[in-house]
Amino acid sequence: MPGDPSNINVSTKGKAKNTFDAIVIGSGISGGWAAKELCEHGIKTLVLERGRDVKHIKDYPTATKNPWEFPHRGSMTEAFLKENPLISKAAGFGEDTAHFFIKDKDHPYIQEKPFDWIRGYQVGGKSLIWGRACQRWSEFEFSAPARYEYGLDWPIRYRDVADWYSHVEKFIGVCGNRDGIEAMPDGEFLPPFDFNCVEQHIQQTISTYYKDRFLVHARWAHLTQPNDIHLQQGRGKCQARNLCMRGCPYGGYFSSVSCTLPWAEKTGNLTIRPDSVVHSIIYDEQKKKATGVRVIDAHTHEVTEYFARIIFVNASALNTTLVLLNSTSNRFPAGLGNDNGLLGKYICFHNYRASVNGTLDGFKDKYYYGRNPTEPILANYRNLHRRDTDYVGGFTTFMGAYRTRTDEDSTAETIGAGFKNDLAEPGGWHVYMYMQGETIPKAANHVRLSADQKDQWGIPLLITSVGYDENDEKMIKDFLTESTAMLEKAGVKNIRQNDTGQAPGLDIHEMGGCRMGHDPQTSLLNKWNQLHACNNVFVTDGACMTSTGNQSPSVLYMALTARAADHAVNEMKKGKL
């Protein structure tokens, strides 16, 4: 079996046929961007995806179904839940979206500590099911670990990625408002969705009582007013259906399937191989560089080797780390580039455990249009210019307000004509806030390969050992206190504080494992996302993150990927790669 590369019966089908300029491992948010950028530069690029093929529109089987067309009205059966208890916890998972998520029993891993590893294996990866939030990191996020001494200094700053943020935003389409907030930089925005009347009220209340807190339109990858570049992609305006995770037939939100991969394909330089489980990266001892990728067919288990001058590893943070750990050689017995033994360490995530919710009287004469797929955001206000809490890091706050389907105070009937009539009258207003908190990179939070357990392709299972700490608990307490106070000032009643206690991983923002840094002794990647010890291998997905910040990370992955691809092409032209 392919667990031991020396004993693999490899079918190359002719090396020339399997040779490209670049190989990209993974077709999700960052992998799609690597493919687009490389192909646009004339680089013959192979994209390897372990899951099935997915074509825009054609492979969105539930996109236009009504609730009554699902056998179980959107719920999963007890039998499914029993067999798949982990993936069933994922945000947005249900009968209408299950086709874009893995099944637990097909993809096991070992939890040394509780960790809910949420995965989507298909062309497009988790770009089909992501939350679509696109806040830029500020200078505070990049500098905080060094300033407050809770992590490794980033080798880059906001100025290094600002233009690449713009490059990405213009292409994918991000709605939002230019608010001039230092903690959440402005970008290239399409018009935002409107606040409803209660969200406006909360915004005004916060601005009245807190001069350093700003509730604004969050930035989201939705086409509210498509530009010509989006129409050229074949995408259309967001219809405010909020059924995004089914796959959007309008292309109203960004995904690799609707946006970057078709664009790359138009160049004639793209080859996509689905059902290709990457076993390892091949390192040439004489050339002192990576020369290719060893792949196992997901169905036949046939092993094939592909070759290229450069390799982008974009399999998502933990799978990227797994591939690198499994890429052993005489030169790298502990994994590719792992001279310092840090590969797989400093895993971190975002803390979503805490929320508050309540009700608000009044505003009964007002409603709102559609199902808004976005939410307002309260930009981080903690530990910016100085440390002002008993913990390090910060948190952003998402919030929203909505009306229930019926008026709970007047609805008595639950069946028949009276009930139908009641459904036409909306209920009262509900308000919520939830946190997205920074967690601190620690060597103890790590993943590693099992020494004796393997998956169905003979690849070692991943062991996860990731947990919360005292810093997280202090941040949760602060969020609950401050959010409650803000809602109380706005007149919100019946406020409930919630701590789900959920395991790490359910946030789906796992990061680290192959972090960037200045020094090869303390990091795996340089400022261009190249492995220090093997510079023709680039890592630009969540594995590269030095810290988590508090803003949503996906648009940063895209910006870092575009930046790294540009650097790779320039170095190739110079003959350095």
Protein backbone atom coordinates (compact mmCIF):
# COMPACT_ATOMS: atom_id res chain seq x y z
CA MET A 1 0.00 0.00 0.00
CA PRO A 2 1.06 3.59 -0.55
CA GLY A 3 1.91 4.22 3.09
CA ASP A 4 5.49 3.36 2.18
CA PRO A 5 6.58 5.25 -0.97
CA SER A 6 9.44 2.83 -1.56
CA ASN A 7 6.98 -0.01 -2.09
CA ILE A 8 4.57 1.73 -4.43
CA ASN A 9 3.89 0.35 -7.89
CA VAL A 10 3.82 3.65 -9.76
CA SER A 11 2.17 4.11 -13.14
CA THR A 12 3.50 7.36 -14.61
CA LYS A 13 1.97 6.81 -18.06
CA GLY A 14 4.97 8.61 -19.50
CA LYS A 15 6.72 11.35 -17.60
CA ALA A 16 6.30 13.96 -20.32
CA LYS A 17 2.54 13.48 -20.34
CA ASN A 18 2.44 14.00 -16.60
CA THR A 19 4.70 17.06 -16.51
CA PHE A 20 3.38 20.59 -16.00
CA ASP A 21 4.85 23.96 -15.11
CA ALA A 22 2.96 24.04 -11.81
CA ILE A 23 0.91 21.73 -9.64
CA VAL A 24 -1.75 23.02 -7.25
CA ILE A 25 -2.94 20.65 -4.51
CA GLY A 26 -6.53 21.52 -3.70
CA SER A 27 -9.25 23.41 -5.59
CA GLY A 28 -10.88 25.40 -2.82
CA ILE A 29 -10.67 29.09 -2.03
CA SER A 30 -6.88 29.42 -2.19
CA GLY A 31 -6.26 26.59 -4.67
CA GLY A 32 -8.67 28.15 -7.15
CA TRP A 33 -6.86 31.44 -6.86
CA ALA A 34 -3.47 29.79 -7.37
CA ALA A 35 -4.82 28.18 -10.54
CA LYS A 36 -6.28 31.43 -11.86
CA GLU A 37 -3.17 33.49 -11.27
CA LEU A 38 -0.72 30.93 -12.62
CA CYS A 39 -2.80 30.15 -15.71
CA GLU A 40 -3.22 33.85 -16.51
CA HIS A 41 0.57 34.13 -16.51
CA GLY A 42 0.81 31.38 -19.11
CA ILE A 43 1.83 28.67 -16.64
CA LYS A 44 0.61 25.18 -17.55
CA THR A 45 -1.07 24.18 -14.31
CA LEU A 46 -2.40 20.90 -12.93
CA VAL A 47 -4.96 21.14 -10.11
CA LEU A 48 -5.31 17.99 -8.00
CA GLU A 49 -8.55 17.54 -6.08
CA ARG A 50 -9.21 14.50 -3.90
CA GLY A 51 -12.97 14.74 -4.28
CA ARG A 52 -15.41 14.47 -7.16
CA ASP A 53 -15.83 16.93 -9.98
CA VAL A 54 -18.38 19.72 -9.58
CA LYS A 55 -19.48 21.98 -12.44
CA HIS A 56 -21.15 25.33 -11.87
CA ILE A 57 -24.98 25.12 -12.01
CA LYS A 58 -25.00 21.57 -13.38
CA ASP A 59 -23.95 20.01 -10.07
CA TYR A 60 -26.11 22.01 -7.68
CA PRO A 61 -28.91 19.45 -7.29
CA THR A 62 -30.88 21.28 -4.59
CA ALA A 63 -30.34 24.91 -5.66
CA THR A 64 -33.93 25.60 -6.73
CA LYS A 65 -35.87 23.11 -4.62
CA ASN A 66 -38.71 24.19 -2.36
CA PRO A 67 -38.80 23.03 1.27
CA TRP A 68 -41.60 20.55 0.59
CA GLU A 69 -39.54 18.84 -2.15
CA PHE A 70 -37.13 17.38 0.40
CA PRO A 71 -38.14 14.01 1.84
CA HIS A 72 -37.43 15.15 5.40
CA ARG A 73 -38.03 18.91 5.02
CA GLY A 74 -34.31 19.63 5.30
CA SER A 75 -33.53 17.44 8.31
CA MET A 76 -31.28 14.38 8.26
CA THR A 77 -32.49 10.96 9.29
CA GLU A 78 -31.65 9.49 12.67
CA ALA A 79 -29.64 6.78 10.91
CA PHE A 80 -27.50 9.39 9.14
CA LEU A 81 -26.95 11.39 12.32
CA LYS A 82 -25.90 8.26 14.17
CA GLU A 83 -23.34 7.38 11.48
CA ASN A 84 -22.12 10.99 11.02
CA PRO A 85 -22.25 12.80 14.37
CA LEU A 86 -19.34 15.15 13.59
CA ILE A 87 -20.17 16.54 10.16
CA SER A 88 -23.81 16.95 11.21
CA LYS A 89 -22.71 19.72 13.60
CA ALA A 90 -21.41 21.91 10.76
CA ALA A 91 -22.99 25.31 10.18
CA GLY A 92 -25.35 25.14 7.23
CA PHE A 93 -25.35 21.34 7.09
CA GLY A 94 -28.67 19.73 6.24
CA GLU A 95 -30.56 17.69 3.72
CA ASP A 96 -30.22 20.49 1.17
CA THR A 97 -26.42 20.86 1.50
CA ALA A 98 -25.16 17.42 2.54
CA HIS A 99 -23.82 16.75 -0.98
CA PHE A 100 -21.00 19.26 -0.34
CA PHE A 101 -19.82 17.75 2.95
CA ILE A 102 -17.87 14.56 3.68
CA LYS A 103 -19.26 11.63 5.64
CA ASP A 104 -17.53 10.83 8.92
CA LYS A 105 -17.16 7.13 8.27
CA ASP A 106 -15.39 7.69 4.94
CA HIS A 107 -12.70 10.00 6.32
CA PRO A 108 -11.65 9.07 9.86
CA TYR A 109 -9.11 10.86 12.02
CA ILE A 110 -7.98 10.50 15.64
CA GLN A 111 -9.07 13.04 18.26
CA GLU A 112 -6.55 13.12 21.08
CA LYS A 113 -8.60 16.09 22.26
CA PRO A 114 -12.11 16.86 20.97
CA PHE A 115 -11.83 18.51 17.55
CA ASP A 116 -14.62 18.73 14.97
CA TRP A 117 -12.86 18.63 11.60
CA ILE A 118 -15.34 19.91 9.00
CA ARG A 119 -14.45 19.06 5.40
CA GLY A 120 -15.85 19.37 1.90
CA TYR A 121 -14.15 17.15 -0.66
CA GLN A 122 -15.07 18.13 -4.22
CA VAL A 123 -13.84 20.48 -6.91
CA GLY A 124 -14.38 23.85 -5.26
CA GLY A 125 -13.76 22.44 -1.77
CA LYS A 126 -15.22 24.51 1.05
CA SER A 127 -15.56 27.57 -1.23
CA LEU A 128 -19.02 26.13 -1.98
CA ILE A 129 -20.02 26.15 1.70
CA TRP A 130 -18.01 28.97 3.31
CA GLY A 131 -19.53 31.84 5.28
CA ARG A 132 -18.38 34.44 2.68
CA ALA A 133 -17.22 37.10 5.19
CA CYS A 134 -14.39 39.19 3.72
CA GLN A 135 -12.97 41.60 6.28
CA ARG A 136 -9.44 42.81 5.61
CA TRP A 137 -6.89 42.34 8.33
CA SER A 138 -5.56 45.59 9.72
CA GLU A 139 -2.04 46.48 10.75
CA PHE A 140 -3.12 45.59 14.28
CA GLU A 141 -3.61 41.91 13.38
CA PHE A 142 -0.23 41.62 11.68
CA SER A 143 1.71 43.40 14.43
CA ALA A 144 -0.10 42.29 17.61
CA PRO A 145 1.74 38.97 18.22
CA ALA A 146 5.08 40.77 18.30
CA ARG A 147 3.79 43.86 20.13
CA TYR A 148 2.14 41.88 22.90
CA GLU A 149 4.57 38.94 22.85
CA TYR A 150 2.06 36.14 22.44
CA GLY A 151 3.30 34.72 19.18
CA LEU A 152 5.75 34.89 16.32
CA ASP A 153 6.23 38.13 14.43
CA TRP A 154 4.62 38.08 10.98
CA PRO A 155 7.20 38.55 8.18
CA ILE A 156 4.72 40.83 6.40
CA ARG A 157 2.54 43.79 7.26
CA TYR A 158 -0.71 45.22 5.93
CA ARG A 159 1.14 47.31 3.34
CA ASP A 160 2.53 44.12 1.79
CA VAL A 161 -0.93 42.72 1.01
CA ALA A 162 -3.11 45.84 0.63
CA ASP A 163 -2.85 45.94 -3.18
CA TRP A 164 -3.43 42.19 -3.37
CA TYR A 165 -6.57 42.56 -1.28
CA SER A 166 -7.80 45.06 -3.88
CA HIS A 167 -6.84 42.70 -6.69
CA VAL A 168 -8.91 39.91 -5.14
CA GLU A 169 -11.90 42.02 -4.08
CA LYS A 170 -12.37 43.50 -7.55
CA PHE A 171 -12.44 40.05 -9.11
CA ILE A 172 -14.61 38.10 -6.66
CA GLY A 173 -17.01 40.93 -5.82
CA VAL A 174 -17.29 42.07 -2.20
CA CYS A 175 -20.18 44.16 -0.93
CA GLY A 176 -19.67 46.58 1.93
CA ASN A 177 -19.27 50.21 2.85
CA ARG A 178 -16.16 52.38 3.17
CA ASP A 179 -16.29 53.29 6.85
CA GLY A 180 -12.79 54.60 7.57
CA ILE A 181 -12.26 52.25 10.54
CA GLU A 182 -8.63 51.75 11.46
CA ALA A 183 -9.25 48.26 12.86
CA MET A 184 -11.02 47.06 9.69
CA PRO A 185 -9.53 48.68 6.55
CA ASP A 186 -11.71 49.68 3.62
CA GLY A 187 -11.53 47.86 0.32
CA GLU A 188 -12.98 47.68 -3.18
CA PHE A 189 -16.67 47.33 -2.46
CA LEU A 190 -19.98 46.86 -4.19
CA PRO A 191 -23.03 48.41 -2.47
CA PRO A 192 -23.95 46.67 0.79
CA PHE A 193 -27.26 45.14 1.77
CA ASP A 194 -29.34 47.55 3.80
CA PHE A 195 -29.57 47.41 7.57
CA ASN A 196 -33.08 46.74 8.77
CA CYS A 197 -34.64 49.23 11.17
CA VAL A 198 -33.57 47.42 14.35
CA GLU A 199 -30.00 47.02 13.14
CA GLN A 200 -29.99 50.76 12.44
CA HIS A 201 -31.26 51.36 15.97
CA ILE A 202 -28.51 49.20 17.49
CA GLN A 203 -25.93 50.99 15.34
CA GLN A 204 -27.10 54.40 16.53
CA THR A 205 -27.14 53.28 20.16
CA ILE A 206 -23.57 51.99 20.02
CA SER A 207 -22.31 55.16 18.33
CA THR A 208 -24.00 57.25 21.03
CA TYR A 209 -22.55 55.38 24.00
CA TYR A 210 -19.21 54.14 22.63
CA LYS A 211 -16.90 56.43 20.67
CA ASP A 212 -14.44 53.60 19.91
CA ARG A 213 -16.93 50.99 18.70
CA PHE A 214 -18.30 50.82 15.17
CA LEU A 215 -21.16 48.66 13.99
CA VAL A 216 -21.01 48.69 10.20
CA HIS A 217 -21.90 46.74 7.11
CA ALA A 218 -19.63 43.73 7.12
CA ARG A 219 -17.87 42.88 3.89
CA TRP A 220 -19.23 39.82 2.10
CA ALA A 221 -18.46 38.02 -1.17
CA HIS A 222 -21.87 38.72 -2.73
CA LEU A 223 -22.60 40.45 -6.02
CA THR A 224 -25.10 43.13 -5.07
CA GLN A 225 -24.31 45.13 -8.21
CA PRO A 226 -22.15 43.12 -10.63
CA ASN A 227 -19.43 44.91 -12.52
CA ASP A 228 -18.32 44.02 -16.04
CA ILE A 229 -15.62 41.67 -14.74
CA HIS A 230 -18.28 39.64 -12.92
CA LEU A 231 -20.53 39.49 -15.98
CA GLN A 232 -17.54 38.27 -17.98
CA GLN A 233 -17.30 35.41 -15.48
CA GLY A 234 -20.91 34.50 -16.26
CA ARG A 235 -22.09 35.47 -12.80
CA GLY A 236 -25.19 37.45 -11.86
CA LYS A 237 -26.67 39.49 -9.05
CA CYS A 238 -27.26 37.96 -5.64
CA GLN A 239 -31.00 37.27 -5.29
CA ALA A 240 -31.08 37.48 -1.48
CA ARG A 241 -32.29 33.89 -1.23
CA ASN A 242 -29.74 32.98 1.47
CA LEU A 243 -29.50 29.45 0.10
CA CYS A 244 -25.83 29.86 -0.71
CA MET A 245 -24.52 26.55 0.59
CA ARG A 246 -26.69 24.62 -1.84
CA GLY A 247 -24.59 26.11 -4.65
CA CYS A 248 -25.79 29.33 -6.28
CA PRO A 249 -27.01 28.99 -9.89
CA TYR A 250 -26.67 32.76 -10.30
CA GLY A 251 -23.03 32.81 -9.20
CA GLY A 252 -24.17 35.44 -6.71
CA TYR A 253 -21.42 34.55 -4.24
CA PHE A 254 -17.80 33.71 -4.85
CA SER A 255 -16.72 30.11 -5.19
CA SER A 256 -13.89 28.47 -7.08
CA VAL A 257 -16.49 26.65 -9.19
CA SER A 258 -18.30 29.79 -10.35
CA CYS A 259 -15.35 32.14 -10.54
CA THR A 260 -11.63 31.31 -10.48
CA LEU A 261 -11.52 27.82 -11.99
CA PRO A 262 -13.66 28.61 -15.08
CA TRP A 263 -11.55 31.76 -15.57
CA ALA A 264 -8.37 29.69 -15.41
CA GLU A 265 -9.86 27.13 -17.78
CA LYS A 266 -10.51 29.82 -20.41
CA THR A 267 -6.75 30.39 -20.70
CA GLY A 268 -6.19 26.88 -22.03
CA ASN A 269 -3.51 26.34 -19.41
CA LEU A 270 -5.57 24.46 -16.80
CA THR A 271 -5.89 20.73 -16.21
CA ILE A 272 -8.08 19.55 -13.31
CA ARG A 273 -7.83 16.01 -11.99
CA PRO A 274 -10.62 15.20 -9.51
CA ASP A 275 -10.65 11.98 -7.46
CA SER A 276 -6.91 12.43 -6.91
CA VAL A 277 -5.83 11.81 -3.32
CA VAL A 278 -2.40 13.32 -2.78
CA HIS A 279 -0.08 10.96 -0.94
CA SER A 280 3.07 13.08 -0.80
CA ILE A 281 5.34 15.56 -2.51
CA ILE A 282 8.39 14.08 -4.22
CA TYR A 283 11.75 15.56 -3.22
CA ASP A 284 14.85 15.12 -5.39
CA GLU A 285 17.97 14.76 -3.27
CA GLN A 286 20.33 15.74 -6.09
CA LYS A 287 18.37 18.72 -7.38
CA LYS A 288 17.55 19.79 -3.79
CA LYS A 289 14.01 20.69 -4.69
CA ALA A 290 10.57 19.16 -5.02
CA THR A 291 9.96 17.67 -8.43
CA GLY A 292 6.42 16.37 -8.29
CA VAL A 293 3.46 14.91 -6.46
CA ARG A 294 2.48 11.29 -5.82
CA VAL A 295 -1.27 10.74 -6.27
CA ILE A 296 -3.62 7.85 -5.49
CA ASP A 297 -6.79 7.44 -7.54
CA ALA A 298 -9.68 7.73 -5.08
CA HIS A 299 -11.53 4.78 -6.65
CA THR A 300 -8.99 2.43 -8.25
CA HIS A 301 -6.12 3.16 -5.84
CA GLU A 302 -3.78 3.35 -8.83
CA VAL A 303 -0.74 5.49 -8.02
CA THR A 304 0.48 8.14 -10.45
CA GLU A 305 3.28 10.67 -10.24
CA TYR A 306 2.98 14.17 -11.69
CA PHE A 307 5.87 16.58 -12.13
CA ALA A 308 6.32 20.35 -12.13
CA ARG A 309 8.79 23.16 -11.46
CA ILE A 310 6.68 24.65 -8.65
CA ILE A 311 4.07 23.22 -6.30
CA PHE A 312 1.35 25.11 -4.45
CA VAL A 313 -0.09 23.23 -1.46
CA ASN A 314 -3.66 24.42 -0.84
CA ALA A 315 -5.41 21.39 0.59
CA SER A 316 -6.78 23.38 3.61
CA ALA A 317 -4.76 23.84 6.78
CA LEU A 318 -4.82 20.38 8.31
CA ASN A 319 -4.70 18.39 5.07
CA THR A 320 -1.86 20.58 3.81
CA THR A 321 0.02 19.82 7.00
CA LEU A 322 -0.79 16.11 6.61
CA VAL A 323 0.60 16.05 3.05
CA LEU A 324 3.81 17.79 4.14
CA LEU A 325 4.26 15.50 7.15
CA ASN A 326 3.79 12.47 4.90
CA SER A 327 6.32 13.79 2.35
CA THR A 328 9.37 12.11 3.84
CA SER A 329 12.79 11.51 2.32
CA ASN A 330 16.37 11.03 3.41
CA ARG A 331 16.73 14.79 3.44
CA PHE A 332 13.44 15.36 5.29
CA PRO A 333 12.74 12.31 7.46
CA ALA A 334 10.16 14.24 9.55
CA GLY A 335 8.27 15.79 6.64
CA LEU A 336 9.04 18.17 3.79
CA GLY A 337 10.75 21.35 5.01
CA ASN A 338 10.53 20.22 8.64
CA ASP A 339 14.12 20.85 9.72
CA ASN A 340 13.03 22.53 12.97
CA GLY A 341 10.40 19.99 13.97
CA LEU A 342 7.63 22.62 13.99
CA LEU A 343 5.54 21.23 11.14
CA GLY A 344 2.08 20.50 12.53
CA LYS A 345 2.53 22.68 15.60
CA TYR A 346 0.94 26.03 16.53
CA ILE A 347 -2.49 25.02 15.27
CA CYS A 348 -5.05 27.66 16.15
CA PHE A 349 -8.62 28.58 15.28
CA HIS A 350 -11.40 31.10 15.89
CA ASN A 351 -13.47 31.03 19.03
CA TYR A 352 -17.22 31.08 18.28
CA ARG A 353 -18.43 29.69 21.59
CA ALA A 354 -20.19 32.76 22.99
CA SER A 355 -23.33 34.60 21.93
CA VAL A 356 -26.10 36.73 23.38
CA ASN A 357 -29.69 37.14 22.21
CA GLY A 358 -32.86 38.90 23.27
CA THR A 359 -36.06 40.61 22.15
CA LEU A 360 -36.88 44.21 21.34
CA ASP A 361 -40.27 45.87 21.66
CA GLY A 362 -41.64 48.21 19.04
CA PHE A 363 -40.84 48.59 15.34
CA LYS A 364 -43.91 46.47 14.58
CA ASP A 365 -44.76 48.64 11.60
CA LYS A 366 -41.52 47.82 9.77
CA TYR A 367 -40.14 44.79 7.96
CA TYR A 368 -37.33 44.04 5.50
CA TYR A 369 -36.81 42.67 1.99
CA GLY A 370 -35.62 39.16 1.21
CA ARG A 371 -33.35 36.86 3.17
CA ASN A 372 -30.25 38.95 3.68
CA PRO A 373 -27.23 36.61 3.35
CA THR A 374 -24.99 39.10 5.20
CA GLU A 375 -24.77 40.47 8.75
CA PRO A 376 -23.56 43.69 10.34
CA ILE A 377 -20.21 43.49 12.11
CA LEU A 378 -18.85 45.28 15.14
CA ALA A 379 -15.16 45.76 14.43
CA ASN A 380 -12.70 44.64 17.09
CA TYR A 381 -12.26 47.23 19.82
CA ARG A 382 -9.94 45.33 22.17
CA ASN A 383 -6.13 45.56 22.48
CA LEU A 384 -5.58 47.83 19.52
CA HIS A 385 -3.16 50.67 20.26
CA ARG A 386 -2.49 49.29 23.73
CA ARG A 387 -3.36 46.27 25.79
CA ASP A 388 -6.56 47.10 27.65
CA THR A 389 -7.74 43.69 28.89
CA ASP A 390 -6.45 40.82 31.03
CA TYR A 391 -6.11 38.70 27.89
CA VAL A 392 -4.31 39.14 24.57
CA GLY A 393 -5.85 39.20 21.12
CA GLY A 394 -9.24 40.54 20.16
CA PHE A 395 -12.64 39.60 18.78
CA THR A 396 -15.03 40.86 16.18
CA THR A 397 -18.76 40.66 16.76
CA PHE A 398 -21.35 39.66 14.19
CA MET A 399 -24.96 40.61 14.90
CA GLY A 400 -28.37 40.78 13.37
CA ALA A 401 -32.05 41.38 13.96
CA TYR A 402 -35.04 39.57 12.53
CA ARG A 403 -38.76 39.01 12.96
CA THR A 404 -40.25 35.60 13.56
CA ARG A 405 -42.78 34.03 11.20
CA THR A 406 -45.70 34.45 13.59
CA ASP A 407 -46.65 36.66 16.51
CA GLU A 408 -45.97 34.47 19.53
CA ASP A 409 -48.19 36.62 21.75
CA SER A 410 -51.34 36.25 19.66
CA THR A 411 -50.97 32.92 17.86
CA ALA A 412 -53.02 30.24 19.59
CA GLU A 413 -53.77 27.75 16.85
CA THR A 414 -51.23 25.32 15.41
CA ILE A 415 -53.27 23.87 12.57
CA GLY A 416 -56.00 24.89 10.15
CA ALA A 417 -57.21 28.17 8.65
CA GLY A 418 -56.53 30.20 11.77
CA PHE A 419 -52.93 29.04 11.83
CA LYS A 420 -52.51 29.88 8.14
CA ASN A 421 -53.82 33.37 8.74
CA ASP A 422 -51.45 33.84 11.68
CA LEU A 423 -48.52 32.93 9.45
CA ALA A 424 -49.21 36.06 7.44
CA GLU A 425 -48.59 38.26 10.48
CA PRO A 426 -44.94 38.58 11.54
CA GLY A 427 -43.95 38.29 15.17
CA GLY A 428 -41.71 40.46 17.31
CA TRP A 429 -38.10 41.46 16.82
CA HIS A 430 -35.20 39.31 17.97
CA VAL A 431 -31.59 40.50 18.27
CA TYR A 432 -28.39 38.47 18.53
CA MET A 433 -24.63 38.92 18.74
CA TYR A 434 -21.91 36.30 18.47
CA MET A 435 -18.15 36.45 18.75
CA GLN A 436 -15.30 35.53 16.43
CA GLY A 437 -12.39 35.49 18.81
CA GLU A 438 -8.68 35.22 18.21
CA THR A 439 -6.95 32.22 19.74
CA ILE A 440 -3.28 32.12 20.60
CA PRO A 441 -0.83 29.90 18.70
CA LYS A 442 0.78 27.36 21.04
CA ALA A 443 3.18 24.54 20.29
CA ALA A 444 1.03 22.23 22.42
CA ASN A 445 -1.86 22.68 19.98
CA HIS A 446 -0.74 20.41 17.21
CA VAL A 447 -1.50 17.68 14.69
CA ARG A 448 0.67 14.68 13.85
CA LEU A 449 0.51 11.44 11.89
CA SER A 450 -0.51 8.16 13.43
CA ALA A 451 2.30 5.62 13.53
CA ASP A 452 0.03 2.62 12.98
CA GLN A 453 -3.43 3.66 11.70
CA LYS A 454 -4.08 4.46 8.05
CA ASP A 455 -7.00 5.51 5.88
CA GLN A 456 -8.46 3.56 2.97
CA TRP A 457 -5.65 4.82 0.70
CA GLY A 458 -2.87 3.73 3.03
CA ILE A 459 -2.12 7.28 4.23
CA PRO A 460 -1.52 7.72 7.98
CA LEU A 461 -4.46 9.10 9.91
CA LEU A 462 -4.17 12.58 11.33
CA ILE A 463 -4.13 12.96 15.10
CA THR A 464 -5.56 16.26 16.40
CA SER A 465 -4.56 17.65 19.79
CA VAL A 466 -6.03 21.14 20.01
CA GLY A 467 -7.80 22.86 22.90
CA TYR A 468 -8.84 26.12 24.55
CA ASP A 469 -6.86 27.90 27.25
CA GLU A 470 -7.33 30.52 29.98
CA ASN A 471 -6.93 33.36 27.46
CA ASP A 472 -9.95 32.07 25.56
CA GLU A 473 -12.05 31.88 28.71
CA LYS A 474 -11.23 35.47 29.67
CA MET A 475 -12.13 36.66 26.18
CA ILE A 476 -15.48 34.85 26.30
CA LYS A 477 -16.31 36.47 29.62
CA ASP A 478 -15.44 39.93 28.28
CA PHE A 479 -17.50 39.42 25.12
CA LEU A 480 -20.56 38.31 27.10
CA THR A 481 -20.29 41.26 29.50
CA GLU A 482 -19.77 43.91 26.83
CA SER A 483 -22.31 42.57 24.34
CA THR A 484 -24.97 42.33 27.02
CA ALA A 485 -24.28 45.91 28.08
CA MET A 486 -24.59 47.19 24.50
CA LEU A 487 -27.90 45.42 23.93
CA GLU A 488 -29.28 46.63 27.26
CA LYS A 489 -28.50 50.22 26.28
CA ALA A 490 -30.46 49.61 23.06
CA GLY A 491 -33.50 48.47 25.04
CA VAL A 492 -33.17 44.78 24.30
CA LYS A 493 -35.00 42.59 26.84
CA ASN A 494 -34.91 38.94 27.88
CA ILE A 495 -31.18 38.80 27.17
CA ARG A 496 -29.64 35.36 27.37
CA GLN A 497 -25.93 34.67 27.47
CA ASN A 498 -24.79 31.48 25.78
CA ASP A 499 -21.58 29.48 25.79
CA THR A 500 -21.91 26.43 23.57
CA GLY A 501 -18.73 24.84 24.87
CA GLN A 502 -18.21 23.52 21.33
CA ALA A 503 -14.96 21.82 20.46
CA PRO A 504 -12.34 23.58 18.34
CA GLY A 505 -12.75 22.93 14.64
CA LEU A 506 -16.44 23.64 14.39
CA ASP A 507 -15.53 27.23 13.55
CA ILE A 508 -14.05 25.83 10.29
CA HIS A 509 -11.25 28.42 10.62
CA GLU A 510 -8.42 26.10 11.58
CA MET A 511 -5.05 27.73 10.90
CA GLY A 512 -1.35 27.14 11.36
CA GLY A 513 0.80 24.04 11.16
CA CYS A 514 3.17 25.48 8.57
CA ARG A 515 3.54 29.08 9.66
CA MET A 516 5.26 32.04 8.04
CA GLY A 517 8.13 33.83 9.75
CA HIS A 518 11.47 35.56 9.41
CA ASP A 519 13.65 32.79 10.83
CA PRO A 520 13.91 29.19 9.54
CA GLN A 521 14.54 28.15 13.15
CA THR A 522 11.08 29.25 14.26
CA SER A 523 8.95 29.01 11.10
CA LEU A 524 8.45 26.90 7.98
CA LEU A 525 7.67 29.57 5.36
CA ASN A 526 9.28 32.85 4.32
CA LYS A 527 7.48 36.10 3.53
CA TRP A 528 6.59 34.81 0.05
CA ASN A 529 4.98 31.64 1.43
CA GLN A 530 7.87 29.46 0.26
CA LEU A 531 9.22 26.64 2.39
CA HIS A 532 12.50 27.89 3.83
CA ALA A 533 14.15 24.55 3.10
CA CYS A 534 12.51 23.84 -0.27
CA ASN A 535 11.73 27.08 -2.04
CA ASN A 536 9.80 25.74 -5.01
CA VAL A 537 6.99 24.63 -2.68
CA PHE A 538 4.46 27.29 -1.67
CA VAL A 539 1.82 27.07 1.06
CA THR A 540 -0.86 29.78 0.89
CA ASP A 541 -3.90 28.33 2.62
CA GLY A 542 -4.72 28.43 6.33
CA ALA A 543 -1.65 26.34 7.21
CA CYS A 544 0.58 29.36 6.54
CA MET A 545 -0.99 31.55 9.23
CA THR A 546 1.31 32.84 11.93
CA SER A 547 -1.64 33.95 14.06
CA THR A 548 -5.41 33.97 13.64
CA GLY A 549 -6.24 37.65 14.03
CA ASN A 550 -9.90 38.30 14.64
CA GLN A 551 -11.14 39.05 11.13
CA SER A 552 -12.33 36.30 8.81
CA PRO A 553 -9.28 34.80 7.07
CA SER A 554 -10.44 33.53 3.67
CA VAL A 555 -9.92 36.74 1.71
CA LEU A 556 -6.42 36.96 3.20
CA TYR A 557 -5.68 33.45 1.90
CA MET A 558 -6.74 34.64 -1.55
CA ALA A 559 -4.56 37.75 -1.35
CA LEU A 560 -1.54 35.80 -0.09
CA THR A 561 -2.05 33.24 -2.86
CA ALA A 562 -2.18 35.86 -5.62
CA ARG A 563 0.91 37.55 -4.15
CA ALA A 564 2.83 34.28 -3.91
CA ALA A 565 1.85 33.21 -7.43
CA ASP A 566 3.11 36.52 -8.83
CA HIS A 567 6.39 36.04 -6.99
CA ALA A 568 6.69 32.45 -8.20
CA VAL A 569 6.17 33.44 -11.83
CA ASN A 570 8.76 36.21 -11.58
CA GLU A 571 11.28 33.84 -10.00
CA MET A 572 10.60 31.26 -12.71
CA LYS A 573 11.26 33.88 -15.39
CA LYS A 574 14.59 34.66 -13.69
CA GLY A 575 15.47 30.95 -13.68
CA LYS A 576 15.50 30.80 -9.88
CA LEU A 577 12.71 28.24 -9.66
